[in-house]
Amino acid sequence: MIAASSLAWPMLAMVALVFGVAVRLFLTRIPEMKRRHIHPQAVASAKQMAEAMEDTRAADHFRNLFEMPVLFYAGCLAAMQTGVASFGVLLMAWAFVGARLVMAIEACGRNKVMRRFQAFIAACTALLFLWIQLGLHWAGVL
C-alpha cells in the first residue's frame, strides 16, 4: 500500500497539462486573430470561432481535456478519500497522464489522427483499469 497523497502528483501533472494546452491555445489564437484582423466579437461563439480560425487544434484539445479527464480526477479523489492507494491505482493514474500528454502533443502538433487515437485508447484503457481496481477494492476483492 502507498500513501493516498501520492495520487495528488498525477492529478497535478494533469492540471499542468491543461494549463500547458491553454498557453498553447493563447499563443496560437491571439497571433492568428491579429494577423488576419479578426475582431474578437466576430468569434463570440464556438461556431463562429471554428468558422473563422484556420488553426483550431489547441482549442479542440483544450475542450477535450474536460471530458474523459473528469473521470480521472474523480477516480483519484475517490481513491484518496477511501484510502485505496495501491501501486496499481497509482500506476494507472500515471499511465493515463502519460497517454494524455502524448495525445496533447500530437493534437496540438502534427495532429496525426491514428497516433492521437492510439494515445486516446491507451488513456481510456488506463482509466478503465483504474476504476476496475477501485471497484474491486471497494467490493473487498482486492
Protein backbone atom coordinates (compact mmCIF):
# COMPACT_ATOMS: atom_id res chain seq x y z
CA MET A 1 0.00 0.00 0.00
CA ILE A 2 1.22 3.51 -0.78
CA ALA A 3 0.24 6.87 0.68
CA ALA A 4 -3.07 8.15 -0.66
CA SER A 5 -1.48 11.57 -1.12
CA SER A 6 0.79 10.10 -3.81
CA LEU A 7 -2.21 10.30 -6.16
CA ALA A 8 -2.02 14.08 -5.90
CA TRP A 9 1.07 14.07 -8.16
CA PRO A 10 -0.59 12.62 -11.28
CA MET A 11 -3.54 14.98 -10.70
CA LEU A 12 -1.16 17.94 -10.50
CA ALA A 13 0.52 16.72 -13.69
CA MET A 14 -2.86 16.70 -15.47
CA VAL A 15 -3.58 20.21 -14.21
CA ALA A 16 -0.19 21.31 -15.54
CA LEU A 17 -1.05 19.70 -18.88
CA VAL A 18 -4.35 21.60 -19.04
CA PHE A 19 -2.58 24.89 -18.39
CA GLY A 20 0.12 23.98 -20.91
CA VAL A 21 -2.52 23.45 -23.60
CA ALA A 22 -4.19 26.72 -22.53
CA VAL A 23 -0.91 28.56 -23.07
CA ARG A 24 -0.54 26.89 -26.46
CA LEU A 25 -4.10 27.96 -27.29
CA PHE A 26 -3.39 31.61 -26.49
CA LEU A 27 -0.02 31.54 -28.28
CA THR A 28 -1.72 30.39 -31.48
CA ARG A 29 -5.12 32.06 -31.30
CA ILE A 30 -4.17 35.65 -30.50
CA PRO A 31 -1.45 35.97 -33.16
CA GLU A 32 -3.77 34.46 -35.80
CA MET A 33 -6.53 36.89 -34.87
CA LYS A 34 -4.10 39.80 -35.10
CA ARG A 35 -2.55 38.59 -38.36
CA ARG A 36 -5.93 38.04 -40.02
CA HIS A 37 -7.54 41.13 -38.44
CA ILE A 38 -10.33 39.14 -36.78
CA HIS A 39 -12.28 41.26 -34.32
CA PRO A 40 -12.95 39.42 -31.02
CA GLN A 41 -16.70 39.99 -31.35
CA ALA A 42 -16.64 38.16 -34.70
CA VAL A 43 -15.73 34.96 -32.86
CA ALA A 44 -18.05 35.25 -29.88
CA SER A 45 -19.39 31.69 -30.16
CA ALA A 46 -17.65 28.36 -30.63
CA LYS A 47 -19.29 28.02 -34.05
CA GLN A 48 -18.06 31.43 -35.16
CA MET A 49 -14.59 30.65 -33.84
CA ALA A 50 -14.42 27.34 -35.71
CA GLU A 51 -15.55 29.00 -38.93
CA ALA A 52 -13.19 31.98 -38.65
CA MET A 53 -9.98 30.37 -37.41
CA GLU A 54 -7.59 28.36 -39.54
CA ASP A 55 -5.88 26.56 -36.63
CA THR A 56 -8.25 25.15 -34.02
CA ARG A 57 -6.08 22.24 -32.83
CA ALA A 58 -5.23 23.67 -29.39
CA ALA A 59 -8.81 24.87 -28.80
CA ASP A 60 -10.21 21.49 -29.80
CA HIS A 61 -7.84 19.67 -27.48
CA PHE A 62 -8.41 22.12 -24.63
CA ARG A 63 -12.14 21.29 -24.72
CA ASN A 64 -11.26 17.59 -24.84
CA LEU A 65 -9.31 17.95 -21.58
CA PHE A 66 -12.63 18.49 -19.79
CA GLU A 67 -14.26 15.27 -20.98
CA MET A 68 -12.64 11.92 -20.03
CA PRO A 69 -10.20 13.52 -17.54
CA VAL A 70 -13.17 14.31 -15.30
CA LEU A 71 -13.38 10.57 -14.57
CA PHE A 72 -9.64 10.58 -13.86
CA TYR A 73 -9.92 13.35 -11.27
CA ALA A 74 -13.00 11.73 -9.72
CA GLY A 75 -11.24 8.36 -9.52
CA CYS A 76 -8.10 9.79 -7.93
CA LEU A 77 -10.11 11.80 -5.41
CA ALA A 78 -12.32 8.79 -4.61
CA ALA A 79 -9.23 6.62 -4.12
CA MET A 80 -7.67 9.22 -1.84
CA GLN A 81 -10.88 9.68 0.15
CA THR A 82 -11.48 5.96 0.67
CA GLY A 83 -7.84 5.07 1.26
CA VAL A 84 -7.48 2.93 -1.85
CA ALA A 85 -3.97 3.86 -2.82
CA SER A 86 -2.43 0.74 -4.29
CA PHE A 87 0.53 0.61 -6.61
CA GLY A 88 -1.83 -0.48 -9.41
CA VAL A 89 -4.08 2.56 -8.99
CA LEU A 90 -1.05 4.87 -8.94
CA LEU A 91 0.42 3.14 -11.99
CA MET A 92 -2.83 3.53 -13.94
CA ALA A 93 -3.07 7.19 -12.91
CA TRP A 94 0.42 7.87 -14.27
CA ALA A 95 -0.30 5.80 -17.39
CA PHE A 96 -3.38 7.95 -18.02
CA VAL A 97 -1.37 11.15 -17.61
CA GLY A 98 1.37 9.86 -19.90
CA ALA A 99 -1.08 8.86 -22.61
CA ARG A 100 -2.86 12.21 -22.34
CA LEU A 101 0.48 14.00 -22.66
CA VAL A 102 1.23 12.08 -25.86
CA MET A 103 -2.28 12.86 -27.08
CA ALA A 104 -1.87 16.58 -26.32
CA ILE A 105 1.49 16.78 -28.09
CA GLU A 106 0.02 15.08 -31.13
CA ALA A 107 -3.27 17.02 -31.11
CA CYS A 108 -1.56 20.41 -30.77
CA GLY A 109 1.27 19.50 -33.14
CA ARG A 110 1.23 17.37 -36.28
CA ASN A 111 -2.25 16.08 -35.41
CA LYS A 112 -1.86 12.62 -36.92
CA VAL A 113 -5.26 11.11 -36.25
CA MET A 114 -4.18 7.48 -35.81
CA ARG A 115 -1.37 8.36 -33.38
CA ARG A 116 -3.78 10.57 -31.43
CA PHE A 117 -6.36 7.77 -31.46
CA GLN A 118 -3.82 5.25 -30.14
CA ALA A 119 -2.97 7.59 -27.27
CA PHE A 120 -6.70 8.07 -26.60
CA ILE A 121 -7.26 4.29 -26.45
CA ALA A 122 -4.27 3.92 -24.10
CA ALA A 123 -5.64 6.67 -21.83
CA CYS A 124 -9.13 5.15 -21.80
CA THR A 125 -7.70 1.70 -21.03
CA ALA A 126 -5.63 3.06 -18.12
CA LEU A 127 -8.66 4.91 -16.79
CA LEU A 128 -10.85 1.83 -17.10
CA PHE A 129 -8.32 -0.29 -15.18
CA LEU A 130 -8.01 2.42 -12.54
CA TRP A 131 -11.78 2.31 -11.98
CA ILE A 132 -11.88 -1.51 -12.07
CA GLN A 133 -9.25 -1.60 -9.33
CA LEU A 134 -11.24 0.89 -7.27
CA GLY A 135 -14.39 -1.17 -7.68
CA LEU A 136 -12.59 -4.38 -6.70
CA HIS A 137 -11.09 -2.70 -3.63
CA TRP A 138 -14.47 -1.34 -2.58
CA ALA A 139 -16.07 -4.75 -3.13
CA GLY A 140 -13.42 -6.32 -0.89
CA VAL A 141 -11.97 -8.46 -3.67
CA LEU A 142 -8.53 -6.81 -3.58
